[in-house]
Protein backbone atom coordinates (compact mmCIF):
# COMPACT_ATOMS: atom_id res chain seq x y z
CA UNK A 1 220.63 279.40 213.78
CA UNK A 2 222.54 279.08 210.48
CA UNK A 3 225.54 276.77 210.86
CA UNK A 4 228.53 277.20 208.56
CA UNK A 5 228.92 274.67 205.75
CA UNK A 6 232.12 276.23 204.33
CA UNK A 7 235.37 277.32 205.96
CA UNK A 8 236.87 280.74 205.08
CA UNK A 9 239.24 278.86 202.68
CA UNK A 10 236.24 277.15 201.05
CA UNK A 11 236.72 273.65 202.43
CA UNK A 12 233.39 271.90 203.11
CA UNK A 13 232.14 271.51 206.69
CA UNK A 14 230.28 268.21 206.76
CA UNK A 15 226.79 268.20 208.26
CA UNK A 16 223.88 265.88 207.62
CA UNK A 17 222.31 266.76 204.26
CA UNK A 18 225.40 268.37 202.72
CA UNK A 19 226.31 265.28 200.63
CA UNK A 20 224.79 262.42 198.64
CA UNK A 21 226.09 259.23 200.21
CA UNK A 22 225.07 257.02 197.25
CA UNK A 23 227.24 259.02 194.84
CA UNK A 24 230.16 259.01 197.30
CA UNK A 25 229.86 255.27 198.01
CA UNK A 26 230.11 254.57 194.27
CA UNK A 27 233.18 256.80 193.95
CA UNK A 28 234.87 254.92 196.79
CA UNK A 29 233.83 251.34 196.03
CA UNK A 30 237.46 250.14 195.93
CA UNK A 31 238.93 252.58 198.46
CA UNK A 32 240.90 251.01 201.32
CA UNK A 33 240.34 252.71 204.68
CA UNK A 34 242.25 252.35 207.94
CA UNK A 35 241.04 253.11 211.46
CA UNK A 36 243.88 253.76 213.94
CA UNK A 37 243.22 253.41 217.67
CA UNK A 38 245.28 253.19 220.88
CA UNK A 39 244.01 251.04 223.78
CA UNK A 40 246.57 250.83 226.55
CA UNK A 41 246.35 250.18 230.29
CA UNK A 42 242.78 250.59 231.60
CA UNK A 43 241.60 251.96 228.23
CA UNK A 44 241.48 248.36 226.95
CA UNK A 45 237.97 248.19 228.47
CA UNK A 46 236.70 250.57 225.76
CA UNK A 47 238.11 248.64 222.80
CA UNK A 48 235.41 246.00 222.25
CA UNK A 49 232.47 248.49 222.39
CA UNK A 50 234.46 250.79 220.08
CA UNK A 51 235.09 248.01 217.52
CA UNK A 52 231.54 246.61 217.74
CA UNK A 53 230.08 250.07 217.14
CA UNK A 54 232.52 250.59 214.24
CA UNK A 55 231.31 247.36 212.66
CA UNK A 56 227.77 248.68 212.88
CA UNK A 57 228.30 252.26 211.68
CA UNK A 58 231.83 252.96 210.35
CA UNK A 59 232.43 252.71 206.57
CA UNK A 60 229.78 250.02 206.17
CA UNK A 61 230.23 248.16 202.86
CA UNK A 62 233.84 249.32 202.42
CA UNK A 63 237.22 247.69 202.99
CA UNK A 64 238.46 248.57 206.48
CA UNK A 65 241.65 247.70 208.36
CA UNK A 66 241.61 248.33 212.11
CA UNK A 67 245.06 249.23 213.44
CA UNK A 68 244.85 248.56 217.17
CA UNK A 69 247.84 249.41 219.36
CA UNK A 70 247.76 247.96 222.86
CA UNK A 71 249.94 246.71 225.69
CA UNK A 72 247.37 243.95 226.29
CA UNK A 73 247.23 242.06 222.97
CA UNK A 74 246.24 238.83 224.75
CA UNK A 75 243.17 240.51 226.29
CA UNK A 76 241.71 241.77 223.01
CA UNK A 77 238.31 240.28 222.20
CA UNK A 78 237.73 240.22 218.45
CA UNK A 79 234.26 241.39 217.38
CA UNK A 80 232.22 239.73 214.67
CA UNK A 81 233.53 241.41 211.52
CA UNK A 82 232.15 242.03 208.03
CA UNK A 83 233.80 240.70 204.87
CA UNK A 84 236.69 242.91 203.77
CA UNK A 85 237.43 243.99 207.36
CA UNK A 86 240.80 243.18 208.92
CA UNK A 87 241.92 243.52 212.55
CA UNK A 88 245.64 244.17 213.05
CA UNK A 89 246.91 244.03 216.63
CA UNK A 90 250.20 245.74 217.44
CA UNK A 91 252.04 245.49 220.73
CA UNK A 92 253.03 248.81 222.27
CA UNK A 93 254.75 249.68 225.54
CA UNK A 94 252.50 251.75 227.83
CA UNK A 95 254.05 254.90 229.25
CA UNK A 96 253.57 255.68 232.93
CA UNK A 97 251.76 259.00 232.44
CA UNK A 98 248.54 259.21 230.39
CA UNK A 99 249.88 262.42 228.82
CA UNK A 100 252.87 260.46 227.45
CA UNK A 101 250.57 257.67 226.26
CA UNK A 102 248.54 260.28 224.38
CA UNK A 103 251.65 261.80 222.76
CA UNK A 104 253.14 258.39 221.91
CA UNK A 105 250.46 258.03 219.23
CA UNK A 106 252.20 260.61 217.01
CA UNK A 107 255.49 258.71 217.22
CA UNK A 108 253.84 255.44 216.17
CA UNK A 109 251.76 257.12 213.47
CA UNK A 110 254.94 258.54 211.95
CA UNK A 111 256.49 255.08 211.67
CA UNK A 112 253.38 253.28 210.39
CA UNK A 113 252.29 255.91 207.86
CA UNK A 114 255.78 255.80 206.38
CA UNK A 115 256.63 252.10 206.48
CA UNK A 116 253.45 249.99 206.56
CA UNK A 117 250.24 251.76 205.65
CA UNK A 118 251.10 253.12 202.15
CA UNK A 119 250.87 249.56 200.77
CA UNK A 120 247.74 248.62 202.73
CA UNK A 121 245.30 251.57 202.72
CA UNK A 122 244.47 254.81 200.89
CA UNK A 123 242.99 256.82 203.77
CA UNK A 124 243.56 256.68 207.51
CA UNK A 125 241.14 257.79 210.23
CA UNK A 126 242.59 258.26 213.73
CA UNK A 127 240.19 258.00 216.66
CA UNK A 128 240.09 257.87 220.46
CA UNK A 129 239.09 254.50 221.87
CA UNK A 130 236.87 255.85 224.68
CA UNK A 131 234.15 256.66 222.14
CA UNK A 132 231.41 254.75 220.32
CA UNK A 133 229.98 255.15 216.85
CA UNK A 134 226.30 255.94 217.25
CA UNK A 135 225.17 256.68 213.67
CA UNK A 136 226.45 256.47 210.09
CA UNK A 137 230.10 257.57 209.60
CA UNK A 138 231.05 256.87 206.01
CA UNK A 139 233.14 257.95 203.04
CA UNK A 140 231.78 261.50 203.30
CA UNK A 141 234.53 262.06 205.91
CA UNK A 142 237.36 261.10 203.55
CA UNK A 143 239.63 263.80 202.16
CA UNK A 144 243.29 264.75 201.79
CA UNK A 145 243.43 266.20 205.32
CA UNK A 146 240.38 266.08 207.59
CA UNK A 147 239.88 267.56 211.06
CA UNK A 148 236.92 267.68 213.45
CA UNK A 149 235.67 270.78 215.27
CA UNK A 150 235.84 270.35 219.05
CA UNK A 151 232.20 270.11 220.17
CA UNK A 152 232.74 272.36 223.19
CA UNK A 153 233.99 275.22 220.97
CA UNK A 154 231.87 275.09 217.82
CA UNK A 155 229.98 278.27 218.78
CA UNK A 156 232.94 279.99 220.47
CA UNK A 157 234.91 283.04 219.39
CA UNK A 158 238.60 282.53 218.53
CA UNK A 159 239.73 284.16 221.75
CA UNK A 160 238.14 281.34 223.76
CA UNK A 161 240.10 278.55 222.03
CA UNK A 162 242.50 276.74 224.36
CA UNK A 163 245.47 276.85 221.99
CA UNK A 164 249.00 276.69 223.41
CA UNK A 165 249.75 280.39 224.05
CA UNK A 166 253.33 280.18 225.40
CA UNK A 167 255.83 281.22 222.71
CA UNK A 168 258.42 278.83 224.20
CA UNK A 169 256.38 275.82 222.98
CA UNK A 170 256.56 274.61 219.39
CA UNK A 171 252.73 274.28 219.57
CA UNK A 172 252.41 278.07 220.10
CA UNK A 173 249.58 279.82 218.22
CA UNK A 174 249.54 283.62 218.59
CA UNK A 175 246.30 285.42 219.50
CA UNK A 176 244.32 286.31 216.40
CA UNK A 177 245.53 283.24 214.48
CA UNK A 178 243.55 280.04 213.90
CA UNK A 179 240.13 279.21 212.53
CA UNK A 180 238.58 276.43 214.64
CA UNK A 181 239.64 274.49 217.71
CA UNK A 182 240.03 270.90 216.56
CA UNK A 183 239.80 267.82 218.77
CA UNK A 184 242.43 265.08 218.49
CA UNK A 185 239.78 262.39 219.08
CA UNK A 186 238.99 262.20 215.34
CA UNK A 187 241.07 263.28 212.34
CA UNK A 188 242.28 261.68 209.15
CA UNK A 189 243.31 261.94 205.55
CA UNK A 190 245.42 260.34 202.87
CA UNK A 191 248.25 258.28 204.33
CA UNK A 192 250.98 260.63 203.11
CA UNK A 193 249.18 263.64 204.61
CA UNK A 194 248.86 261.92 207.99
CA UNK A 195 252.56 261.09 207.77
CA UNK A 196 253.36 264.80 207.30
CA UNK A 197 251.03 265.79 210.15
CA UNK A 198 252.30 263.17 212.61
CA UNK A 199 255.94 263.88 211.74
CA UNK A 200 255.47 267.62 212.39
CA UNK A 201 253.63 266.98 215.67
CA UNK A 202 256.17 264.41 216.84
CA UNK A 203 259.03 266.78 216.05
CA UNK A 204 257.30 269.50 218.09
CA UNK A 205 256.72 267.16 221.04
CA UNK A 206 260.41 266.14 221.05
CA UNK A 207 261.61 269.75 220.82
CA UNK A 208 259.35 270.74 223.72
CA UNK A 209 260.64 267.83 225.81
CA UNK A 210 264.21 269.06 225.28
CA UNK A 211 263.09 272.38 226.78
CA UNK A 212 261.37 270.48 229.60
CA UNK A 213 257.91 271.76 228.68
CA UNK A 214 254.69 270.11 227.58
CA UNK A 215 251.99 271.74 225.46
CA UNK A 216 248.80 272.53 227.37
CA UNK A 217 246.76 269.77 225.66
CA UNK A 218 249.67 267.52 224.62
CA UNK A 219 249.34 266.20 221.05
CA UNK A 220 246.05 268.04 220.52
CA UNK A 221 247.91 271.35 220.90
CA UNK A 222 250.48 270.28 218.30
CA UNK A 223 247.69 269.06 216.00
CA UNK A 224 245.98 272.46 216.22
CA UNK A 225 249.25 274.26 215.51
CA UNK A 226 249.81 272.12 212.39
CA UNK A 227 246.26 272.71 211.13
CA UNK A 228 246.48 276.49 211.54
CA UNK A 229 249.29 276.56 208.96
CA UNK A 230 248.26 273.49 206.90
CA UNK A 231 244.52 273.96 206.36
CA UNK A 232 242.34 270.84 206.33
CA UNK A 233 240.70 270.12 202.98
CA UNK A 234 237.54 268.99 204.80
CA UNK A 235 236.21 269.81 208.27
CA UNK A 236 233.79 267.61 210.21
CA UNK A 237 231.01 269.23 212.20
CA UNK A 238 230.30 268.29 215.84
CA UNK A 239 227.92 265.62 214.52
CA UNK A 240 231.11 263.58 214.18
CA UNK A 241 232.33 264.17 217.74
CA UNK A 242 229.84 264.78 220.48
CA UNK A 243 229.42 264.45 224.24
CA UNK A 244 225.89 264.29 225.62
CA UNK A 245 226.86 266.43 228.65
CA UNK A 246 227.54 269.44 226.39
CA UNK A 247 225.07 272.32 225.84
CA UNK A 248 223.49 273.14 222.44
CA UNK A 249 222.81 269.47 221.71
CA UNK A 250 219.52 270.45 220.04
CA UNK A 251 221.57 271.95 217.18
CA UNK A 252 223.21 268.58 216.49
CA UNK A 253 220.65 266.48 214.63
CA UNK A 254 222.85 263.38 214.25
CA UNK A 255 225.26 262.39 217.00
CA UNK A 256 227.51 260.04 215.07
CA UNK A 257 230.50 259.50 217.35
CA UNK A 258 229.93 259.83 221.08
CA UNK A 259 232.17 260.13 224.13
CA UNK A 260 231.75 257.32 226.67
CA UNK A 261 231.11 258.71 230.15
CA UNK A 262 233.75 257.61 232.62
CA UNK A 263 235.80 258.62 235.64
CA UNK A 264 238.80 260.19 233.89
CA UNK A 265 240.95 260.07 236.99
CA UNK A 266 240.32 256.36 237.49
CA UNK A 267 241.08 255.25 233.91
CA UNK A 268 244.14 257.50 233.57
CA UNK A 269 245.81 256.31 236.76
């Protein structure tokens, strides 16, 4: 099966073998990269494996700042870190509902990408904490605005995408619109682009709350809405976001960032 390596708007879709990492590493030898992650309530249990796997596979040889937001700063165990790697811990209040926790990320991203990160990093990668890096994830993923195809939908027709379809929501995407269904577990870009994205998503979340509604997949729905009308400059294939329980795994030669299997109900409550 031939897998797409270009989007309809000619942005690259990154698969193994579509880039020369040595050339890219040289181009980015002084690039400063941030990795943003939320670890609140019971999700704190995933933080150390996440960070340890990042130290092994994420942006190896480059300057990395981990931005960790947690309500349990005192419980964070610091991994052994490479030179040029910095761990920043930020205290955050945990919302009662996991849906609100998930949406709170956009609010915090808006503040940090405006006030703090422009002086500290060039690119920001935002990731879910209940994942582990399992293979090389390097500067090939950097771009102005980068999104990752949801691994459950990479072979699906548009009509199957679980976009927000209610016109009352600010995350609404009409039938026939959209290109891919993106997952909010991994996206990134230049700091000013992530500021624009998070500001738009946060504004949509607030407007929906005023109408007493919530998008079907919370901030992921708002992210997809934004990316329909602000095309990513680079798209990551499901190599960069995979779950071993999904079908068609034989098509994915490298499984670089993997979901950790867990009881969702237990960790969310």
